[in-house]
Amino acid sequence: MVPSPHISAPLGFPDLTLSVPYADVLRYAQFRLLMLPKGELKSFCEQHELPYTSIVGLKNSSLKREEPRLLQRLLRHLDVATELIRIPPNSVSPRFLFPSQEALTTFQKQLKCFDSGTPPLPGAENAAGHAAAPTP
């Protein structure tokens, strides 16, 4: 049996302060998908072997149920490392656990910029007029 490439270390005691709810990760992924150039989503999905229809459903919030594993696969291809955990164990929605405080802080800063509509670019605060936050 070939070990899964996604298992990197034994499960230990998770630092729950490094976790975020499904809704925050979904919102982040939606903004990141909106950053792709127009018409590039299909080729992105093909390149990373992601199901195009389901990714469009994630992007547009049209899926009928939560898809945490698909969302985690998408994050992996967006270079955002997370692990899925259920806290409390009987919860319906999982949480996404980041590997370090640095990774979590980067995620939170980017999400805050996405939510506020303020681009995280140097000198962007001096640009004339602030763009509204995109609606995922």
C-alpha atoms as a PDB file:
ATOM      1  CA  MET A   1       0.000   0.000   0.000  1.00  0.00           C
ATOM      2  CA  VAL A   2       1.376   3.394  -1.019  1.00  0.00           C
ATOM      3  CA  PRO A   3       1.143   6.078   1.687  1.00  0.00           C
ATOM      4  CA  SER A   4      -0.916   9.145   0.890  1.00  0.00           C
ATOM      5  CA  PRO A   5       1.204  12.162  -0.110  1.00  0.00           C
ATOM      6  CA  HIS A   6      -1.073  14.349   2.023  1.00  0.00           C
ATOM      7  CA  ILE A   7      -0.052  12.795   5.319  1.00  0.00           C
ATOM      8  CA  SER A   8       3.007  14.681   6.510  1.00  0.00           C
ATOM      9  CA  ALA A   9       3.184  13.993  10.230  1.00  0.00           C
ATOM     10  CA  PRO A  10       1.454  11.962  12.919  1.00  0.00           C
ATOM     11  CA  LEU A  11      -1.563  13.548  14.504  1.00  0.00           C
ATOM     12  CA  GLY A  12      -0.627  15.315  17.686  1.00  0.00           C
ATOM     13  CA  PHE A  13      -2.433  17.716  19.934  1.00  0.00           C
ATOM     14  CA  PRO A  14      -3.766  20.467  17.673  1.00  0.00           C
ATOM     15  CA  ASP A  15      -3.325  24.087  18.689  1.00  0.00           C
ATOM     16  CA  LEU A  16      -6.954  25.155  18.354  1.00  0.00           C
ATOM     17  CA  THR A  17      -5.977  28.830  18.335  1.00  0.00           C
ATOM     18  CA  LEU A  18      -4.605  28.158  14.838  1.00  0.00           C
ATOM     19  CA  SER A  19      -7.981  27.081  13.478  1.00  0.00           C
ATOM     20  CA  VAL A  20     -10.628  28.992  11.550  1.00  0.00           C
ATOM     21  CA  PRO A  21     -14.205  28.089  10.642  1.00  0.00           C
ATOM     22  CA  TYR A  22     -15.304  26.676   7.303  1.00  0.00           C
ATOM     23  CA  ALA A  23     -17.117  29.909   6.391  1.00  0.00           C
ATOM     24  CA  ASP A  24     -13.928  32.005   6.624  1.00  0.00           C
ATOM     25  CA  VAL A  25     -11.945  29.570   4.485  1.00  0.00           C
ATOM     26  CA  LEU A  26     -14.741  29.387   1.923  1.00  0.00           C
ATOM     27  CA  ARG A  27     -14.870  33.191   1.692  1.00  0.00           C
ATOM     28  CA  TYR A  28     -11.083  33.322   1.297  1.00  0.00           C
ATOM     29  CA  ALA A  29     -11.149  30.692  -1.474  1.00  0.00           C
ATOM     30  CA  GLN A  30     -13.933  32.565  -3.269  1.00  0.00           C
ATOM     31  CA  PHE A  31     -11.881  35.747  -3.309  1.00  0.00           C
ATOM     32  CA  ARG A  32      -8.793  33.876  -4.501  1.00  0.00           C
ATOM     33  CA  LEU A  33     -10.798  32.283  -7.326  1.00  0.00           C
ATOM     34  CA  LEU A  34     -12.049  35.749  -8.315  1.00  0.00           C
ATOM     35  CA  MET A  35      -8.392  36.808  -8.650  1.00  0.00           C
ATOM     36  CA  LEU A  36      -7.859  34.405 -11.559  1.00  0.00           C
ATOM     37  CA  PRO A  37      -7.878  36.139 -14.943  1.00  0.00           C
ATOM     38  CA  LYS A  38     -11.216  35.983 -16.755  1.00  0.00           C
ATOM     39  CA  GLY A  39     -11.613  32.652 -18.524  1.00  0.00           C
ATOM     40  CA  GLU A  40      -8.773  30.926 -16.645  1.00  0.00           C
ATOM     41  CA  LEU A  41     -10.805  28.981 -14.075  1.00  0.00           C
ATOM     42  CA  LYS A  42     -11.381  26.001 -16.357  1.00  0.00           C
ATOM     43  CA  SER A  43      -7.706  25.635 -17.235  1.00  0.00           C
ATOM     44  CA  PHE A  44      -6.763  26.084 -13.545  1.00  0.00           C
ATOM     45  CA  CYS A  45      -9.117  23.218 -12.661  1.00  0.00           C
ATOM     46  CA  GLU A  46      -7.790  21.024 -15.471  1.00  0.00           C
ATOM     47  CA  GLN A  47      -4.175  21.729 -14.525  1.00  0.00           C
ATOM     48  CA  HIS A  48      -4.777  20.800 -10.876  1.00  0.00           C
ATOM     49  CA  GLU A  49      -7.292  18.019 -11.580  1.00  0.00           C
ATOM     50  CA  LEU A  50     -10.091  19.780  -9.718  1.00  0.00           C
ATOM     51  CA  PRO A  51     -13.751  19.233 -10.678  1.00  0.00           C
ATOM     52  CA  TYR A  52     -14.650  22.376 -12.627  1.00  0.00           C
ATOM     53  CA  THR A  53     -18.387  22.318 -11.906  1.00  0.00           C
ATOM     54  CA  SER A  54     -17.845  21.899  -8.167  1.00  0.00           C
ATOM     55  CA  ILE A  55     -15.218  24.664  -8.072  1.00  0.00           C
ATOM     56  CA  VAL A  56     -17.635  26.983  -9.868  1.00  0.00           C
ATOM     57  CA  GLY A  57     -20.218  25.998  -7.231  1.00  0.00           C
ATOM     58  CA  LEU A  58     -17.739  26.893  -4.460  1.00  0.00           C
ATOM     59  CA  LYS A  59     -16.947  30.186  -6.141  1.00  0.00           C
ATOM     60  CA  ASN A  60     -20.614  31.129  -6.562  1.00  0.00           C
ATOM     61  CA  SER A  61     -21.888  29.693  -3.249  1.00  0.00           C
ATOM     62  CA  SER A  62     -24.304  27.486  -5.150  1.00  0.00           C
ATOM     63  CA  LEU A  63     -23.355  24.106  -3.689  1.00  0.00           C
ATOM     64  CA  LYS A  64     -26.146  22.405  -1.763  1.00  0.00           C
ATOM     65  CA  ARG A  65     -23.833  21.303   1.081  1.00  0.00           C
ATOM     66  CA  GLU A  66     -20.439  22.077   2.534  1.00  0.00           C
ATOM     67  CA  GLU A  67     -17.502  20.525   0.712  1.00  0.00           C
ATOM     68  CA  PRO A  68     -14.603  20.706   3.185  1.00  0.00           C
ATOM     69  CA  ARG A  69     -12.367  18.162   1.440  1.00  0.00           C
ATOM     70  CA  LEU A  70     -12.791  19.845  -1.934  1.00  0.00           C
ATOM     71  CA  LEU A  71     -12.102  23.198  -0.301  1.00  0.00           C
ATOM     72  CA  GLN A  72      -8.962  21.803   1.309  1.00  0.00           C
ATOM     73  CA  ARG A  73      -7.770  20.418  -2.050  1.00  0.00           C
ATOM     74  CA  LEU A  74      -8.351  23.833  -3.612  1.00  0.00           C
ATOM     75  CA  LEU A  75      -6.425  25.549  -0.814  1.00  0.00           C
ATOM     76  CA  ARG A  76      -3.518  23.164  -1.339  1.00  0.00           C
ATOM     77  CA  HIS A  77      -3.332  24.279  -4.990  1.00  0.00           C
ATOM     78  CA  LEU A  78      -3.504  27.911  -3.858  1.00  0.00           C
ATOM     79  CA  ASP A  79      -0.471  27.165  -1.629  1.00  0.00           C
ATOM     80  CA  VAL A  80      -2.422  27.457   1.624  1.00  0.00           C
ATOM     81  CA  ALA A  81      -1.599  24.510   3.879  1.00  0.00           C
ATOM     82  CA  THR A  82      -4.339  23.407   6.291  1.00  0.00           C
ATOM     83  CA  GLU A  83      -5.653  20.306   8.009  1.00  0.00           C
ATOM     84  CA  LEU A  84      -9.313  19.539   8.616  1.00  0.00           C
ATOM     85  CA  ILE A  85     -10.432  19.052  12.211  1.00  0.00           C
ATOM     86  CA  ARG A  86     -13.807  18.711  13.897  1.00  0.00           C
ATOM     87  CA  ILE A  87     -14.008  20.618  17.159  1.00  0.00           C
ATOM     88  CA  PRO A  88     -16.119  19.626  18.958  1.00  0.00           C
ATOM     89  CA  PRO A  89     -16.011  16.128  17.468  1.00  0.00           C
ATOM     90  CA  ASN A  90     -19.780  16.039  16.884  1.00  0.00           C
ATOM     91  CA  SER A  91     -19.838  19.399  15.050  1.00  0.00           C
ATOM     92  CA  VAL A  92     -21.409  19.556  11.626  1.00  0.00           C
ATOM     93  CA  SER A  93     -18.844  21.943  10.122  1.00  0.00           C
ATOM     94  CA  PRO A  94     -15.139  21.282  10.291  1.00  0.00           C
ATOM     95  CA  ARG A  95     -12.490  23.844  11.124  1.00  0.00           C
ATOM     96  CA  PHE A  96      -9.303  24.393   9.163  1.00  0.00           C
ATOM     97  CA  LEU A  97      -6.085  24.154  11.168  1.00  0.00           C
ATOM     98  CA  PHE A  98      -3.044  26.144  10.038  1.00  0.00           C
ATOM     99  CA  PRO A  99       0.475  24.785  10.587  1.00  0.00           C
ATOM    100  CA  SER A 100       1.824  27.947  12.242  1.00  0.00           C
ATOM    101  CA  GLN A 101       0.891  31.328  13.656  1.00  0.00           C
ATOM    102  CA  GLU A 102       2.663  32.930  10.706  1.00  0.00           C
ATOM    103  CA  ALA A 103       0.478  31.064   8.179  1.00  0.00           C
ATOM    104  CA  LEU A 104      -2.676  31.950  10.127  1.00  0.00           C
ATOM    105  CA  THR A 105      -1.672  35.616  10.363  1.00  0.00           C
ATOM    106  CA  THR A 106      -1.031  35.782   6.612  1.00  0.00           C
ATOM    107  CA  PHE A 107      -4.431  34.176   5.962  1.00  0.00           C
ATOM    108  CA  GLN A 108      -6.197  36.609   8.315  1.00  0.00           C
ATOM    109  CA  LYS A 109      -4.467  39.675   6.833  1.00  0.00           C
ATOM    110  CA  GLN A 110      -5.365  38.651   3.295  1.00  0.00           C
ATOM    111  CA  LEU A 111      -8.961  37.860   4.246  1.00  0.00           C
ATOM    112  CA  LYS A 112      -9.272  41.241   5.985  1.00  0.00           C
ATOM    113  CA  CYS A 113      -8.030  42.965   2.826  1.00  0.00           C
ATOM    114  CA  PHE A 114     -10.444  40.990   0.667  1.00  0.00           C
ATOM    115  CA  ASP A 115     -13.361  41.786   2.983  1.00  0.00           C
ATOM    116  CA  SER A 116     -12.532  45.492   3.165  1.00  0.00           C
ATOM    117  CA  GLY A 117     -11.925  45.903  -0.553  1.00  0.00           C
ATOM    118  CA  THR A 118      -8.501  47.399   0.177  1.00  0.00           C
ATOM    119  CA  PRO A 119      -5.796  45.793  -1.934  1.00  0.00           C
ATOM    120  CA  PRO A 120      -2.761  44.656   0.086  1.00  0.00           C
ATOM    121  CA  LEU A 121      -0.384  46.442  -2.270  1.00  0.00           C
ATOM    122  CA  PRO A 122       2.289  48.939  -1.261  1.00  0.00           C
ATOM    123  CA  GLY A 123       1.048  52.437  -2.031  1.00  0.00           C
ATOM    124  CA  ALA A 124      -2.502  51.215  -2.731  1.00  0.00           C
ATOM    125  CA  GLU A 125      -3.852  53.338   0.106  1.00  0.00           C
ATOM    126  CA  ASN A 126      -2.949  56.432  -1.932  1.00  0.00           C
ATOM    127  CA  ALA A 127      -4.799  55.296  -5.013  1.00  0.00           C
ATOM    128  CA  ALA A 128      -7.756  57.425  -6.018  1.00  0.00           C
ATOM    129  CA  GLY A 129     -10.985  55.792  -4.866  1.00  0.00           C
ATOM    130  CA  HIS A 130     -11.162  52.469  -3.098  1.00  0.00           C
ATOM    131  CA  ALA A 131     -12.718  49.590  -4.974  1.00  0.00           C
ATOM    132  CA  ALA A 132     -15.624  47.819  -3.341  1.00  0.00           C
ATOM    133  CA  ALA A 133     -15.025  44.299  -2.081  1.00  0.00           C
ATOM    134  CA  PRO A 134     -15.917  41.735  -4.758  1.00  0.00           C
ATOM    135  CA  THR A 135     -19.001  39.710  -4.081  1.00  0.00           C
ATOM    136  CA  PRO A 136     -18.072  36.032  -4.257  1.00  0.00           C
END
